[in-house]
Amino acid sequence: MNLGRIQRLLQLIGLLQAGRGYNTDALAQACGISRRTVFRDLDLLRLSGVPLLFDEKQQRYRIPAPACCRPPTSRRKKPSRFWSCATSWATGRGLPFLGPARSAALKLESNLPARLREQLRDVTAALHIHPAPSNPLAGCQPVYDQLLAAAANRQNVRIRYGSLKEEKEIVTRLSPYGLFFSGRSWYAVGRSSLHRAKRTFNLGRVLEIELLDDHFQIPAVSRSSGTCATPGA
């Protein structure tokens, strides 16, 4: 689950706890998403144990105060996959640029009822993650932020890049399909106009980045095989 969706779910929870309730059109407008995405997010909240109520007469959804999530029943003792996924981000302290993700995960955890929060902490306490030393990528936060936004918005970028393989600086138009962490660093993967193929780019070697006005679509073959690739550019 990406950070954008976690932030959107937090926004939905805040709106639905306001009291008067919202219909799907109002939720879509408030969150800047489609009604179809609203329904998917509401389904995920239900599966996560959120006591989502629907008023058929007014066609509105709401979350009753004060609790945002019901405690687990005797038949539902394990934390949901959603909360486990969200809070697991908080253990990724060895990875650069995950501060906002950890904050979102911790905020989600703080909204859980005490019983479920304690149970979730018992589960995460049993996990021991020892990440290898990572490249801190000093000064690369703006590059990471711009590439992440471009990937989310399917927006092309132009980068100036210190290529290790080609042993020179190159300039290429990149359609960033996504970002991934491998080995010790973050990489962007996408189609490079210079290479006329999908390539990976180490964020630590991106010297300059420019957001372009046009957008792209990820080819079906790339979606089916995943966006990650072996680092190499």
Protein backbone atom coordinates (compact mmCIF):
# COMPACT_ATOMS: atom_id res chain seq x y z
CA MET A 1 0.00 0.00 0.00
CA ASN A 2 1.49 3.35 -0.98
CA LEU A 3 1.73 6.46 1.15
CA GLY A 4 -0.83 8.34 -0.94
CA ARG A 5 -3.51 5.77 -0.25
CA ILE A 6 -2.76 5.69 3.48
CA GLN A 7 -3.06 9.49 3.61
CA ARG A 8 -6.32 9.30 1.67
CA LEU A 9 -7.72 6.69 4.07
CA LEU A 10 -6.80 8.95 6.97
CA GLN A 11 -8.65 11.78 5.24
CA LEU A 12 -11.71 9.57 4.73
CA ILE A 13 -11.69 8.53 8.39
CA GLY A 14 -11.53 12.18 9.46
CA LEU A 15 -14.44 13.14 7.20
CA LEU A 16 -16.60 10.21 8.23
CA GLN A 17 -16.02 10.89 11.92
CA ALA A 18 -17.29 14.47 11.49
CA GLY A 19 -20.81 13.36 12.44
CA ARG A 20 -23.21 14.32 9.69
CA GLY A 21 -21.96 11.80 7.16
CA TYR A 22 -21.08 12.03 3.47
CA ASN A 23 -22.36 10.47 0.29
CA THR A 24 -19.97 9.00 -2.25
CA ASP A 25 -20.09 12.07 -4.51
CA ALA A 26 -19.10 14.37 -1.64
CA LEU A 27 -16.32 12.01 -0.54
CA ALA A 28 -14.98 11.80 -4.09
CA GLN A 29 -14.97 15.59 -4.40
CA ALA A 30 -13.37 16.14 -0.98
CA CYS A 31 -10.58 13.64 -1.67
CA GLY A 32 -10.13 14.43 -5.37
CA ILE A 33 -10.80 10.86 -6.49
CA SER A 34 -13.41 8.95 -8.49
CA ARG A 35 -16.54 7.35 -6.98
CA ARG A 36 -15.12 3.97 -7.94
CA THR A 37 -12.01 4.66 -5.84
CA VAL A 38 -14.24 5.81 -2.97
CA PHE A 39 -16.06 2.46 -2.99
CA ARG A 40 -12.74 0.57 -3.01
CA ASP A 41 -11.45 2.61 -0.07
CA LEU A 42 -14.67 2.14 1.89
CA ASP A 43 -14.45 -1.61 1.34
CA LEU A 44 -10.88 -1.58 2.65
CA LEU A 45 -11.96 0.34 5.76
CA ARG A 46 -14.68 -2.24 6.40
CA LEU A 47 -12.21 -5.11 6.04
CA SER A 48 -9.90 -3.29 8.46
CA GLY A 49 -12.56 -3.33 11.17
CA VAL A 50 -13.78 0.27 10.83
CA PRO A 51 -17.44 0.43 12.01
CA LEU A 52 -18.69 2.10 8.85
CA LEU A 53 -22.40 2.95 8.97
CA PHE A 54 -24.64 3.69 5.98
CA ASP A 55 -27.89 5.67 6.20
CA GLU A 56 -30.03 4.33 3.35
CA LYS A 57 -32.50 7.19 3.61
CA GLN A 58 -29.91 9.92 3.30
CA GLN A 59 -27.46 7.78 1.29
CA ARG A 60 -24.63 8.82 3.58
CA TYR A 61 -21.73 7.03 5.25
CA ARG A 62 -20.36 7.86 8.68
CA ILE A 63 -18.21 6.46 11.49
CA PRO A 64 -19.78 6.63 14.94
CA ALA A 65 -17.78 8.44 17.63
CA PRO A 66 -15.66 7.96 19.57
CA ALA A 67 -13.98 4.81 18.27
CA CYS A 68 -12.70 4.60 14.74
CA CYS A 69 -12.32 0.84 14.70
CA ARG A 70 -14.14 -1.93 16.54
CA PRO A 71 -12.09 -4.18 18.84
CA PRO A 72 -11.41 -7.65 17.51
CA THR A 73 -14.06 -10.24 18.35
CA SER A 74 -13.32 -13.76 19.54
CA ARG A 75 -13.57 -14.91 15.93
CA ARG A 76 -11.29 -12.13 14.69
CA LYS A 77 -8.24 -12.11 16.95
CA LYS A 78 -5.58 -11.22 14.43
CA PRO A 79 -4.97 -7.61 13.33
CA SER A 80 -6.12 -7.04 9.78
CA ARG A 81 -3.66 -7.12 6.92
CA PHE A 82 -4.27 -3.41 6.37
CA TRP A 83 -3.13 -2.33 9.83
CA SER A 84 -0.25 -4.81 9.85
CA CYS A 85 0.94 -3.46 6.50
CA ALA A 86 0.62 0.15 7.65
CA THR A 87 2.40 -0.26 10.96
CA SER A 88 5.14 -2.41 9.45
CA TRP A 89 6.32 0.75 7.69
CA ALA A 90 7.24 2.12 11.10
CA THR A 91 9.98 -0.49 11.38
CA GLY A 92 11.75 0.72 8.23
CA ARG A 93 14.03 3.15 10.02
CA GLY A 94 17.01 2.09 7.94
CA LEU A 95 15.51 3.36 4.68
CA PRO A 96 15.88 6.98 3.56
CA PHE A 97 12.81 9.15 2.89
CA LEU A 98 10.30 7.01 4.87
CA GLY A 99 9.69 9.60 7.59
CA PRO A 100 6.25 10.61 6.21
CA ALA A 101 5.28 6.95 5.78
CA ARG A 102 6.21 6.20 9.39
CA SER A 103 4.24 9.23 10.58
CA ALA A 104 1.16 8.08 8.65
CA ALA A 105 1.50 4.55 10.04
CA LEU A 106 1.84 5.80 13.60
CA LYS A 107 -1.16 8.09 13.18
CA LEU A 108 -3.20 5.16 11.92
CA GLU A 109 -2.11 3.09 14.91
CA SER A 110 -3.05 5.84 17.34
CA ASN A 111 -6.64 5.77 16.02
CA LEU A 112 -7.06 2.09 16.90
CA PRO A 113 -8.90 0.99 20.05
CA ALA A 114 -6.56 0.19 22.95
CA ARG A 115 -7.16 -3.57 22.77
CA LEU A 116 -6.36 -3.83 19.07
CA ARG A 117 -3.43 -1.41 19.39
CA GLU A 118 -1.85 -3.58 22.10
CA GLN A 119 -2.41 -6.71 20.05
CA LEU A 120 -0.85 -5.09 17.01
CA ARG A 121 2.19 -4.01 19.03
CA ASP A 122 2.60 -7.58 20.30
CA VAL A 123 2.72 -8.78 16.69
CA THR A 124 5.19 -6.12 15.52
CA ALA A 125 7.36 -6.64 18.62
CA ALA A 126 7.83 -10.24 17.49
CA LEU A 127 9.31 -9.05 14.21
CA HIS A 128 13.03 -8.29 14.06
CA ILE A 129 14.25 -6.42 10.99
CA HIS A 130 17.94 -5.71 10.52
CA PRO A 131 18.32 -3.77 7.27
CA ALA A 132 21.73 -3.54 5.70
CA PRO A 133 23.44 -0.12 5.86
CA SER A 134 21.84 2.09 3.25
CA ASN A 135 23.05 5.00 1.19
CA PRO A 136 21.68 8.06 3.05
CA LEU A 137 21.22 9.85 -0.32
CA ALA A 138 22.07 13.19 1.24
CA GLY A 139 20.42 16.07 -0.60
CA CYS A 140 18.25 13.75 -2.73
CA GLN A 141 14.96 14.28 -0.91
CA PRO A 142 13.68 16.76 -3.58
CA VAL A 143 14.56 14.25 -6.34
CA TYR A 144 12.74 11.47 -4.47
CA ASP A 145 9.67 13.68 -3.90
CA GLN A 146 9.47 14.82 -7.52
CA LEU A 147 9.93 11.33 -8.96
CA LEU A 148 7.38 9.86 -6.56
CA ALA A 149 4.84 12.53 -7.51
CA ALA A 150 5.60 12.05 -11.21
CA ALA A 151 5.15 8.28 -10.92
CA ALA A 152 1.85 8.71 -9.08
CA ASN A 153 0.57 11.23 -11.64
CA ARG A 154 2.00 9.39 -14.67
CA GLN A 155 3.95 12.54 -15.55
CA ASN A 156 7.10 12.59 -17.68
CA VAL A 157 10.32 14.15 -16.40
CA ARG A 158 13.66 15.15 -17.89
CA ILE A 159 16.73 14.18 -15.89
CA ARG A 160 20.43 14.92 -16.10
CA TYR A 161 22.19 11.85 -14.83
CA GLY A 162 25.73 10.76 -14.02
CA SER A 163 25.69 7.36 -15.70
CA LEU A 164 28.03 4.80 -14.20
CA LYS A 165 27.71 2.46 -17.19
CA GLU A 166 28.27 5.11 -19.83
CA GLU A 167 30.89 6.94 -17.75
CA LYS A 168 29.46 10.34 -18.61
CA GLU A 169 26.56 12.66 -17.92
CA ILE A 170 23.44 11.97 -19.96
CA VAL A 171 20.14 13.76 -20.41
CA THR A 172 17.03 11.70 -21.02
CA ARG A 173 13.29 12.00 -20.93
CA LEU A 174 11.99 9.51 -18.38
CA SER A 175 8.52 8.06 -17.88
CA PRO A 176 8.85 6.94 -14.24
CA TYR A 177 6.79 3.80 -13.68
CA GLY A 178 7.72 3.67 -10.00
CA LEU A 179 10.41 3.74 -7.32
CA PHE A 180 11.95 0.82 -5.49
CA PHE A 181 14.63 0.24 -2.87
CA SER A 182 17.27 -2.38 -3.65
CA GLY A 183 20.62 -3.11 -2.06
CA ARG A 184 21.61 0.21 -0.51
CA SER A 185 19.78 2.81 -2.56
CA TRP A 186 16.50 4.01 -4.10
CA TYR A 187 15.97 3.61 -7.84
CA ALA A 188 13.49 4.95 -10.39
CA VAL A 189 12.40 2.58 -13.14
CA GLY A 190 10.74 3.63 -16.36
CA ARG A 191 11.12 4.20 -20.08
CA SER A 192 14.12 6.28 -21.10
CA SER A 193 13.86 8.16 -24.39
CA LEU A 194 17.63 8.05 -24.81
CA HIS A 195 17.81 4.28 -24.49
CA ARG A 196 14.37 3.64 -26.05
CA ALA A 197 13.77 1.00 -23.42
CA LYS A 198 12.98 0.52 -19.74
CA ARG A 199 15.91 1.45 -17.53
CA THR A 200 16.66 1.95 -13.84
CA PHE A 201 18.24 5.12 -12.43
CA ASN A 202 19.94 5.46 -9.06
CA LEU A 203 18.48 8.51 -7.30
CA GLY A 204 21.90 9.30 -5.89
CA ARG A 205 23.20 9.99 -9.42
CA VAL A 206 20.33 12.20 -10.60
CA LEU A 207 21.98 15.60 -10.99
CA GLU A 208 18.96 17.59 -12.16
CA ILE A 209 15.26 16.89 -12.68
CA GLU A 210 12.53 18.79 -14.50
CA LEU A 211 8.82 17.96 -14.46
CA LEU A 212 7.31 18.03 -17.95
CA ASP A 213 3.76 18.96 -18.92
CA ASP A 214 2.84 15.71 -20.69
CA HIS A 215 1.82 12.35 -19.28
CA PHE A 216 2.32 8.68 -20.10
CA GLN A 217 0.67 5.29 -19.74
CA ILE A 218 2.47 2.23 -18.44
CA PRO A 219 2.52 -0.50 -21.12
CA ALA A 220 0.51 -3.59 -20.24
CA VAL A 221 3.60 -5.80 -20.33
CA SER A 222 5.30 -3.62 -17.70
CA ARG A 223 2.22 -3.66 -15.47
CA SER A 224 1.95 -7.43 -15.62
CA SER A 225 5.65 -8.01 -14.93
CA GLY A 226 5.92 -5.35 -12.23
CA THR A 227 7.80 -2.07 -12.30
CA CYS A 228 10.91 -3.24 -10.44
CA ALA A 229 13.97 -4.24 -12.37
CA THR A 230 17.57 -5.06 -11.61
CA PRO A 231 19.49 -1.84 -10.84
CA GLY A 232 21.95 -1.09 -13.56
CA ALA A 233 21.89 2.45 -14.97
